[in-house]
Amino acid sequence: MIGAHTEANVYCRIPGQADGARMWEMARDSGKLDLNSAYFYLAMSRFFSESCRVAIDASDDSLAGFIVGFRQPQRQNTLFIWQIAVAERLRGRGIAGKLLDDASARDDIRYVEATVSPSNGASRAMLAKWARGRGLEAEISPGFEERYFPGNGHEREDLYRIGPLK
C-alpha cells in the first residue's frame, strides 16, 4: 500500500474521490472544525489527493481521520495543512501524527505549515508534539488576523511553520 503507516488497526493512504463525503461528514460531526462545502472535500480528495491523507480503521473500514492539505504554489517545498481530524473514539492514539508523517513523507517537502487559532489547544499541542518528536523547529508567526474574517467571532489564526524536515 502506498505510504502506509499503521497504528494498531489504522493505516494511512491517499484519499480517493469516494472518501470526500466521509471527510465532510467527519468535519461536520467534529463540532470543532470550520465546515467547508461537501464539494470542497470531494475536490480536495480528487485534485489534491497527493497532499491529503485518510486514516482507515482496518477492523471495519471506517474513516479514522483525515488531513486536507496542499502544496503552496509559491513554495512547492511547503505542505500547507488546511484541516486535520481524528474520529473522537480514536483520539489520543497518535493518528494525527501518523497522518502528518505520511502526508509530509515526500523527499521534496521540507516544511509543514498550518494556521491554528489561540483557543485550539489540542491542535497547538499536537503540532508542537509532532515537531518536538522529530527534532524539528516550530516557528509561530502571524497568520490571519480577526479583521480579515467576514462577520464576527472568528479568532485570529497563527501560522505554524515546522521544519526543515530533511
C-alpha atoms as a PDB file:
ATOM      1  CA  MET A   1       0.000   0.000   0.000  1.00  0.00           C
ATOM      2  CA  ILE A   2       1.412   3.428  -0.959  1.00  0.00           C
ATOM      3  CA  GLY A   3       2.663   5.373   2.034  1.00  0.00           C
ATOM      4  CA  ALA A   4       1.014   3.075   4.568  1.00  0.00           C
ATOM      5  CA  HIS A   5       1.646   3.599   8.273  1.00  0.00           C
ATOM      6  CA  THR A   6      -0.043   1.520  10.914  1.00  0.00           C
ATOM      7  CA  GLU A   7      -1.317   2.473  14.363  1.00  0.00           C
ATOM      8  CA  ALA A   8      -2.940  -0.620  15.832  1.00  0.00           C
ATOM      9  CA  ASN A   9      -5.542  -1.386  13.141  1.00  0.00           C
ATOM     10  CA  VAL A  10      -5.272   2.020  11.484  1.00  0.00           C
ATOM     11  CA  TYR A  11      -3.407   2.719   8.267  1.00  0.00           C
ATOM     12  CA  CYS A  12      -2.930   5.867   6.173  1.00  0.00           C
ATOM     13  CA  ARG A  13      -3.421   6.208   2.446  1.00  0.00           C
ATOM     14  CA  ILE A  14      -4.007   8.778  -0.249  1.00  0.00           C
ATOM     15  CA  PRO A  15      -7.739   9.514  -0.468  1.00  0.00           C
ATOM     16  CA  GLY A  16      -9.877   8.659  -3.437  1.00  0.00           C
ATOM     17  CA  GLN A  17     -12.778  10.714  -4.628  1.00  0.00           C
ATOM     18  CA  ALA A  18     -15.163   8.409  -2.759  1.00  0.00           C
ATOM     19  CA  ASP A  19     -13.539   9.484   0.530  1.00  0.00           C
ATOM     20  CA  GLY A  20     -14.644  13.101   0.110  1.00  0.00           C
ATOM     21  CA  ALA A  21     -18.121  12.537   1.540  1.00  0.00           C
ATOM     22  CA  ARG A  22     -16.726  10.714   4.575  1.00  0.00           C
ATOM     23  CA  MET A  23     -14.249  13.539   5.162  1.00  0.00           C
ATOM     24  CA  TRP A  24     -17.076  16.105   5.011  1.00  0.00           C
ATOM     25  CA  GLU A  25     -19.152  14.051   7.470  1.00  0.00           C
ATOM     26  CA  MET A  26     -16.253  13.780   9.919  1.00  0.00           C
ATOM     27  CA  ALA A  27     -15.596  17.523   9.709  1.00  0.00           C
ATOM     28  CA  ARG A  28     -19.307  18.224  10.249  1.00  0.00           C
ATOM     29  CA  ASP A  29     -19.578  15.807  13.161  1.00  0.00           C
ATOM     30  CA  SER A  30     -16.413  17.077  14.866  1.00  0.00           C
ATOM     31  CA  GLY A  31     -18.185  20.227  16.043  1.00  0.00           C
ATOM     32  CA  LYS A  32     -14.755  21.897  16.089  1.00  0.00           C
ATOM     33  CA  LEU A  33     -13.616  22.284  12.501  1.00  0.00           C
ATOM     34  CA  ASP A  34     -14.741  25.010  10.148  1.00  0.00           C
ATOM     35  CA  LEU A  35     -17.053  23.100   7.841  1.00  0.00           C
ATOM     36  CA  ASN A  36     -16.347  23.592   4.164  1.00  0.00           C
ATOM     37  CA  SER A  37     -18.792  22.578   1.449  1.00  0.00           C
ATOM     38  CA  ALA A  38     -19.097  18.921   0.502  1.00  0.00           C
ATOM     39  CA  TYR A  39     -17.749  19.928  -2.911  1.00  0.00           C
ATOM     40  CA  PHE A  40     -14.543  21.181  -1.249  1.00  0.00           C
ATOM     41  CA  TYR A  41     -13.800  17.756   0.277  1.00  0.00           C
ATOM     42  CA  LEU A  42     -14.659  15.995  -2.984  1.00  0.00           C
ATOM     43  CA  ALA A  43     -12.395  18.331  -4.966  1.00  0.00           C
ATOM     44  CA  MET A  44      -9.518  18.067  -2.496  1.00  0.00           C
ATOM     45  CA  SER A  45      -9.692  14.267  -2.463  1.00  0.00           C
ATOM     46  CA  ARG A  46      -9.654  14.210  -6.259  1.00  0.00           C
ATOM     47  CA  PHE A  47      -7.475  17.109  -7.446  1.00  0.00           C
ATOM     48  CA  PHE A  48      -5.149  17.453  -4.429  1.00  0.00           C
ATOM     49  CA  SER A  49      -5.148  13.820  -3.305  1.00  0.00           C
ATOM     50  CA  GLU A  50      -1.331  13.571  -3.225  1.00  0.00           C
ATOM     51  CA  SER A  51      -1.190  16.133  -0.413  1.00  0.00           C
ATOM     52  CA  CYS A  52      -4.190  14.789   1.521  1.00  0.00           C
ATOM     53  CA  ARG A  53      -4.447  11.609   3.577  1.00  0.00           C
ATOM     54  CA  VAL A  54      -7.105   9.450   5.159  1.00  0.00           C
ATOM     55  CA  ALA A  55      -6.603   7.104   8.094  1.00  0.00           C
ATOM     56  CA  ILE A  56      -8.691   3.968   7.829  1.00  0.00           C
ATOM     57  CA  ASP A  57      -9.639   1.667  10.707  1.00  0.00           C
ATOM     58  CA  ALA A  58      -8.934  -1.734   9.156  1.00  0.00           C
ATOM     59  CA  SER A  59     -11.238  -3.529  11.597  1.00  0.00           C
ATOM     60  CA  ASP A  60     -14.352  -2.032   9.986  1.00  0.00           C
ATOM     61  CA  ASP A  61     -13.079   0.085   7.053  1.00  0.00           C
ATOM     62  CA  SER A  62     -14.345   3.246   8.772  1.00  0.00           C
ATOM     63  CA  LEU A  63     -12.690   6.638   8.500  1.00  0.00           C
ATOM     64  CA  ALA A  64     -10.388   7.100  11.499  1.00  0.00           C
ATOM     65  CA  GLY A  65      -9.127  10.542  10.449  1.00  0.00           C
ATOM     66  CA  PHE A  66      -8.015  12.751   7.597  1.00  0.00           C
ATOM     67  CA  ILE A  67      -5.721  15.547   6.528  1.00  0.00           C
ATOM     68  CA  VAL A  68      -6.667  18.090   3.892  1.00  0.00           C
ATOM     69  CA  GLY A  69      -3.577  19.822   2.575  1.00  0.00           C
ATOM     70  CA  PHE A  70      -1.973  21.313  -0.492  1.00  0.00           C
ATOM     71  CA  ARG A  71       1.438  22.289  -1.739  1.00  0.00           C
ATOM     72  CA  GLN A  72       1.855  26.022  -1.848  1.00  0.00           C
ATOM     73  CA  PRO A  73       2.209  27.311  -5.411  1.00  0.00           C
ATOM     74  CA  GLN A  74       4.819  29.915  -4.421  1.00  0.00           C
ATOM     75  CA  ARG A  75       6.744  27.439  -2.205  1.00  0.00           C
ATOM     76  CA  GLN A  76       6.488  23.940  -3.624  1.00  0.00           C
ATOM     77  CA  ASN A  77       8.603  22.547  -0.786  1.00  0.00           C
ATOM     78  CA  THR A  78       5.916  23.525   1.750  1.00  0.00           C
ATOM     79  CA  LEU A  79       2.858  21.441   2.575  1.00  0.00           C
ATOM     80  CA  PHE A  80       0.048  23.550   3.994  1.00  0.00           C
ATOM     81  CA  ILE A  81      -2.312  21.599   6.233  1.00  0.00           C
ATOM     82  CA  TRP A  82      -5.824  23.008   5.982  1.00  0.00           C
ATOM     83  CA  GLN A  83      -7.527  20.570   8.359  1.00  0.00           C
ATOM     84  CA  ILE A  84      -6.746  17.550  10.479  1.00  0.00           C
ATOM     85  CA  ALA A  85      -9.480  15.435  12.019  1.00  0.00           C
ATOM     86  CA  VAL A  86      -9.466  12.217  14.026  1.00  0.00           C
ATOM     87  CA  ALA A  87     -12.571  10.241  14.976  1.00  0.00           C
ATOM     88  CA  GLU A  88     -13.471  11.004  18.568  1.00  0.00           C
ATOM     89  CA  ARG A  89     -13.267   7.329  19.587  1.00  0.00           C
ATOM     90  CA  LEU A  90      -9.659   7.148  18.358  1.00  0.00           C
ATOM     91  CA  ARG A  91      -8.206  10.413  19.653  1.00  0.00           C
ATOM     92  CA  GLY A  92      -5.050  10.278  21.738  1.00  0.00           C
ATOM     93  CA  ARG A  93      -3.575   7.329  19.822  1.00  0.00           C
ATOM     94  CA  GLY A  94      -1.123   9.241  17.626  1.00  0.00           C
ATOM     95  CA  ILE A  95      -3.224   9.074  14.481  1.00  0.00           C
ATOM     96  CA  ALA A  96      -2.869  12.790  13.698  1.00  0.00           C
ATOM     97  CA  GLY A  97       0.918  12.439  13.895  1.00  0.00           C
ATOM     98  CA  LYS A  98       0.837   9.404  11.605  1.00  0.00           C
ATOM     99  CA  LEU A  99      -1.255  11.338   9.108  1.00  0.00           C
ATOM    100  CA  LEU A 100       1.257  14.207   9.215  1.00  0.00           C
ATOM    101  CA  ASP A 101       4.162  11.784   8.789  1.00  0.00           C
ATOM    102  CA  ASP A 102       2.536  10.172   5.785  1.00  0.00           C
ATOM    103  CA  ALA A 103       1.467  13.420   4.099  1.00  0.00           C
ATOM    104  CA  SER A 104       4.912  15.015   4.525  1.00  0.00           C
ATOM    105  CA  ALA A 105       6.982  11.949   3.583  1.00  0.00           C
ATOM    106  CA  ARG A 106       7.833  13.099   0.049  1.00  0.00           C
ATOM    107  CA  ASP A 107      11.505  13.965  -0.425  1.00  0.00           C
ATOM    108  CA  ASP A 108      10.698  17.394  -1.831  1.00  0.00           C
ATOM    109  CA  ILE A 109       8.599  18.504   1.177  1.00  0.00           C
ATOM    110  CA  ARG A 110      10.835  20.418   3.595  1.00  0.00           C
ATOM    111  CA  TYR A 111       8.265  22.353   5.641  1.00  0.00           C
ATOM    112  CA  VAL A 112       4.784  21.830   7.016  1.00  0.00           C
ATOM    113  CA  GLU A 113       2.598  24.847   7.716  1.00  0.00           C
ATOM    114  CA  ALA A 114      -0.798  25.213   9.357  1.00  0.00           C
ATOM    115  CA  THR A 115      -2.819  28.008  10.884  1.00  0.00           C
ATOM    116  CA  VAL A 116      -4.333  27.493  14.329  1.00  0.00           C
ATOM    117  CA  SER A 117      -6.490  29.749  16.494  1.00  0.00           C
ATOM    118  CA  PRO A 118      -5.267  30.570  20.027  1.00  0.00           C
ATOM    119  CA  SER A 119      -8.176  28.720  21.675  1.00  0.00           C
ATOM    120  CA  ASN A 120      -7.453  25.470  19.801  1.00  0.00           C
ATOM    121  CA  GLY A 121      -5.205  23.985  22.447  1.00  0.00           C
ATOM    122  CA  ALA A 122      -5.484  20.440  21.114  1.00  0.00           C
ATOM    123  CA  SER A 123      -4.151  21.359  17.652  1.00  0.00           C
ATOM    124  CA  ARG A 124      -1.449  23.604  19.090  1.00  0.00           C
ATOM    125  CA  ALA A 125      -0.268  20.802  21.394  1.00  0.00           C
ATOM    126  CA  MET A 126      -0.417  18.202  18.617  1.00  0.00           C
ATOM    127  CA  LEU A 127       1.702  20.300  16.236  1.00  0.00           C
ATOM    128  CA  ALA A 128       4.223  21.094  18.977  1.00  0.00           C
ATOM    129  CA  LYS A 129       4.451  17.422  19.964  1.00  0.00           C
ATOM    130  CA  TRP A 130       4.844  16.329  16.340  1.00  0.00           C
ATOM    131  CA  ALA A 131       7.654  18.834  15.746  1.00  0.00           C
ATOM    132  CA  ARG A 132       9.412  18.049  19.033  1.00  0.00           C
ATOM    133  CA  GLY A 133       9.196  14.292  18.465  1.00  0.00           C
ATOM    134  CA  ARG A 134      11.053  14.684  15.182  1.00  0.00           C
ATOM    135  CA  GLY A 135      13.604  17.215  16.439  1.00  0.00           C
ATOM    136  CA  LEU A 136      12.123  19.968  14.273  1.00  0.00           C
ATOM    137  CA  GLU A 137      11.777  23.674  14.860  1.00  0.00           C
ATOM    138  CA  ALA A 138       8.255  25.093  15.084  1.00  0.00           C
ATOM    139  CA  GLU A 139       8.156  28.781  14.259  1.00  0.00           C
ATOM    140  CA  ILE A 140       4.951  30.633  15.115  1.00  0.00           C
ATOM    141  CA  SER A 141       4.129  33.912  13.380  1.00  0.00           C
ATOM    142  CA  PRO A 142       1.021  35.941  12.498  1.00  0.00           C
ATOM    143  CA  GLY A 143      -1.253  34.139  10.073  1.00  0.00           C
ATOM    144  CA  PHE A 144      -4.704  35.663   9.585  1.00  0.00           C
ATOM    145  CA  GLU A 145      -5.943  38.479  11.821  1.00  0.00           C
ATOM    146  CA  GLU A 146      -9.572  38.579  13.029  1.00  0.00           C
ATOM    147  CA  ARG A 147     -10.288  41.616  10.873  1.00  0.00           C
ATOM    148  CA  TYR A 148      -9.788  39.599   7.683  1.00  0.00           C
ATOM    149  CA  PHE A 149     -12.542  37.111   8.509  1.00  0.00           C
ATOM    150  CA  PRO A 150     -16.051  38.065   7.410  1.00  0.00           C
ATOM    151  CA  GLY A 151     -18.636  38.588  10.123  1.00  0.00           C
ATOM    152  CA  ASN A 152     -17.794  38.467  13.796  1.00  0.00           C
ATOM    153  CA  GLY A 153     -16.451  35.873  16.110  1.00  0.00           C
ATOM    154  CA  HIS A 154     -13.587  34.198  14.268  1.00  0.00           C
ATOM    155  CA  GLU A 155     -10.331  34.312  16.181  1.00  0.00           C
ATOM    156  CA  ARG A 156      -7.038  35.112  14.585  1.00  0.00           C
ATOM    157  CA  GLU A 157      -5.091  32.179  13.181  1.00  0.00           C
ATOM    158  CA  ASP A 158      -1.386  31.892  13.997  1.00  0.00           C
ATOM    159  CA  LEU A 159       0.875  30.389  11.346  1.00  0.00           C
ATOM    160  CA  TYR A 160       2.958  27.379  12.385  1.00  0.00           C
ATOM    161  CA  ARG A 161       5.947  26.613  10.178  1.00  0.00           C
ATOM    162  CA  ILE A 162       7.654  23.326  11.044  1.00  0.00           C
ATOM    163  CA  GLY A 163      10.943  22.143   9.565  1.00  0.00           C
ATOM    164  CA  PRO A 164      13.179  21.705   7.774  1.00  0.00           C
ATOM    165  CA  LEU A 165      12.039  18.083   7.558  1.00  0.00           C
ATOM    166  CA  LYS A 166      15.088  16.658   5.772  1.00  0.00           C
END
